[in-house]
């Protein structure tokens, strides 16, 4: 079984954002959605629904960002 970084997709009220992706990134997103659906048993009808959780996961695990954010909060408190 593959261990994906992305878990179950929360059903949350979205904010509309428009973005252009390179074709190669979109193809990878579609492939990721297929694997994610097999692994979680929750098929992904629209691969673009993975973008927000992927960005969320990326931000949550970015140590440099966390450090900069903590430093900003410390100096602004």
C-alpha atoms as a PDB file:
ATOM      1  CA  UNK A   1       0.000   0.000   0.000  1.00  0.00           C
ATOM      2  CA  UNK A   2       1.290   3.435  -0.940  1.00  0.00           C
ATOM      3  CA  UNK A   3       1.608   6.005   1.862  1.00  0.00           C
ATOM      4  CA  UNK A   4       0.298   9.285   0.443  1.00  0.00           C
ATOM      5  CA  UNK A   5       0.840  12.589   2.222  1.00  0.00           C
ATOM      6  CA  UNK A   6      -2.758  13.547   1.543  1.00  0.00           C
ATOM      7  CA  UNK A   7      -5.478  11.991   3.691  1.00  0.00           C
ATOM      8  CA  UNK A   8      -9.257  12.222   3.480  1.00  0.00           C
ATOM      9  CA  UNK A   9     -10.636  15.378   1.847  1.00  0.00           C
ATOM     10  CA  UNK A  10     -12.687  17.559   4.199  1.00  0.00           C
ATOM     11  CA  UNK A  11     -15.963  18.901   2.866  1.00  0.00           C
ATOM     12  CA  UNK A  12     -15.499  22.587   3.662  1.00  0.00           C
ATOM     13  CA  UNK A  13     -16.967  25.775   2.183  1.00  0.00           C
ATOM     14  CA  UNK A  14     -14.497  26.803  -0.539  1.00  0.00           C
ATOM     15  CA  UNK A  15     -13.250  30.162  -1.742  1.00  0.00           C
ATOM     16  CA  UNK A  16     -13.126  30.427  -5.534  1.00  0.00           C
ATOM     17  CA  UNK A  17      -9.615  30.802  -6.981  1.00  0.00           C
ATOM     18  CA  UNK A  18      -8.638  30.560 -10.629  1.00  0.00           C
ATOM     19  CA  UNK A  19      -5.198  29.252 -11.534  1.00  0.00           C
ATOM     20  CA  UNK A  20      -3.454  27.939 -14.625  1.00  0.00           C
ATOM     21  CA  UNK A  21      -1.415  24.772 -14.323  1.00  0.00           C
ATOM     22  CA  UNK A  22       1.158  23.451 -16.757  1.00  0.00           C
ATOM     23  CA  UNK A  23      -0.215  20.429 -18.619  1.00  0.00           C
ATOM     24  CA  UNK A  24       2.359  18.149 -16.983  1.00  0.00           C
ATOM     25  CA  UNK A  25       1.278  19.254 -13.501  1.00  0.00           C
ATOM     26  CA  UNK A  26      -2.380  18.673 -14.382  1.00  0.00           C
ATOM     27  CA  UNK A  27      -1.604  15.178 -15.710  1.00  0.00           C
ATOM     28  CA  UNK A  28       0.228  14.408 -12.460  1.00  0.00           C
ATOM     29  CA  UNK A  29      -2.738  15.767 -10.493  1.00  0.00           C
ATOM     30  CA  UNK A  30      -5.094  13.459 -12.392  1.00  0.00           C
ATOM     31  CA  UNK A  31      -2.785  10.493 -11.770  1.00  0.00           C
ATOM     32  CA  UNK A  32      -2.503  11.427  -8.072  1.00  0.00           C
ATOM     33  CA  UNK A  33      -6.309  11.615  -7.845  1.00  0.00           C
ATOM     34  CA  UNK A  34      -6.578   8.098  -9.278  1.00  0.00           C
ATOM     35  CA  UNK A  35      -4.074   6.702  -6.756  1.00  0.00           C
ATOM     36  CA  UNK A  36      -5.681   8.668  -3.922  1.00  0.00           C
ATOM     37  CA  UNK A  37      -9.092   7.249  -4.821  1.00  0.00           C
ATOM     38  CA  UNK A  38      -7.757   3.695  -4.804  1.00  0.00           C
ATOM     39  CA  UNK A  39      -5.905   4.176  -1.498  1.00  0.00           C
ATOM     40  CA  UNK A  40      -8.726   5.893   0.405  1.00  0.00           C
ATOM     41  CA  UNK A  41     -11.692   4.165  -1.213  1.00  0.00           C
ATOM     42  CA  UNK A  42     -13.027   7.662  -1.886  1.00  0.00           C
ATOM     43  CA  UNK A  43     -12.930   8.263  -5.646  1.00  0.00           C
ATOM     44  CA  UNK A  44     -12.007  11.807  -6.653  1.00  0.00           C
ATOM     45  CA  UNK A  45     -14.402  12.897  -9.391  1.00  0.00           C
ATOM     46  CA  UNK A  46     -12.685  16.260  -9.839  1.00  0.00           C
ATOM     47  CA  UNK A  47      -8.882  16.210  -9.443  1.00  0.00           C
ATOM     48  CA  UNK A  48      -8.830  19.973  -8.854  1.00  0.00           C
ATOM     49  CA  UNK A  49     -10.429  19.316  -5.442  1.00  0.00           C
ATOM     50  CA  UNK A  50      -7.042  17.976  -4.361  1.00  0.00           C
ATOM     51  CA  UNK A  51      -5.260  21.287  -4.914  1.00  0.00           C
ATOM     52  CA  UNK A  52      -6.417  22.974  -1.692  1.00  0.00           C
ATOM     53  CA  UNK A  53      -5.581  20.019   0.598  1.00  0.00           C
ATOM     54  CA  UNK A  54      -2.203  19.679  -1.148  1.00  0.00           C
ATOM     55  CA  UNK A  55      -1.399  23.342  -0.562  1.00  0.00           C
ATOM     56  CA  UNK A  56      -2.637  23.060   3.020  1.00  0.00           C
ATOM     57  CA  UNK A  57      -0.405  20.023   3.617  1.00  0.00           C
ATOM     58  CA  UNK A  58       2.556  21.735   1.965  1.00  0.00           C
ATOM     59  CA  UNK A  59       2.190  24.821   4.156  1.00  0.00           C
ATOM     60  CA  UNK A  60       1.691  22.738   7.307  1.00  0.00           C
ATOM     61  CA  UNK A  61       4.923  20.823   6.712  1.00  0.00           C
ATOM     62  CA  UNK A  62       7.110  23.706   5.507  1.00  0.00           C
ATOM     63  CA  UNK A  63       9.552  24.243   8.382  1.00  0.00           C
ATOM     64  CA  UNK A  64      10.929  27.482   6.970  1.00  0.00           C
ATOM     65  CA  UNK A  65       7.441  28.948   6.754  1.00  0.00           C
ATOM     66  CA  UNK A  66       6.582  27.814  10.289  1.00  0.00           C
ATOM     67  CA  UNK A  67       9.765  29.379  11.628  1.00  0.00           C
ATOM     68  CA  UNK A  68       9.133  32.666   9.809  1.00  0.00           C
ATOM     69  CA  UNK A  69       5.522  32.705  10.985  1.00  0.00           C
ATOM     70  CA  UNK A  70       6.535  32.111  14.610  1.00  0.00           C
ATOM     71  CA  UNK A  71       9.157  34.843  14.376  1.00  0.00           C
ATOM     72  CA  UNK A  72       6.597  37.270  12.979  1.00  0.00           C
ATOM     73  CA  UNK A  73       4.134  36.479  15.772  1.00  0.00           C
ATOM     74  CA  UNK A  74       6.797  36.898  18.426  1.00  0.00           C
ATOM     75  CA  UNK A  75       7.878  40.298  17.120  1.00  0.00           C
ATOM     76  CA  UNK A  76       4.324  41.563  16.613  1.00  0.00           C
ATOM     77  CA  UNK A  77       3.042  40.467  20.053  1.00  0.00           C
END
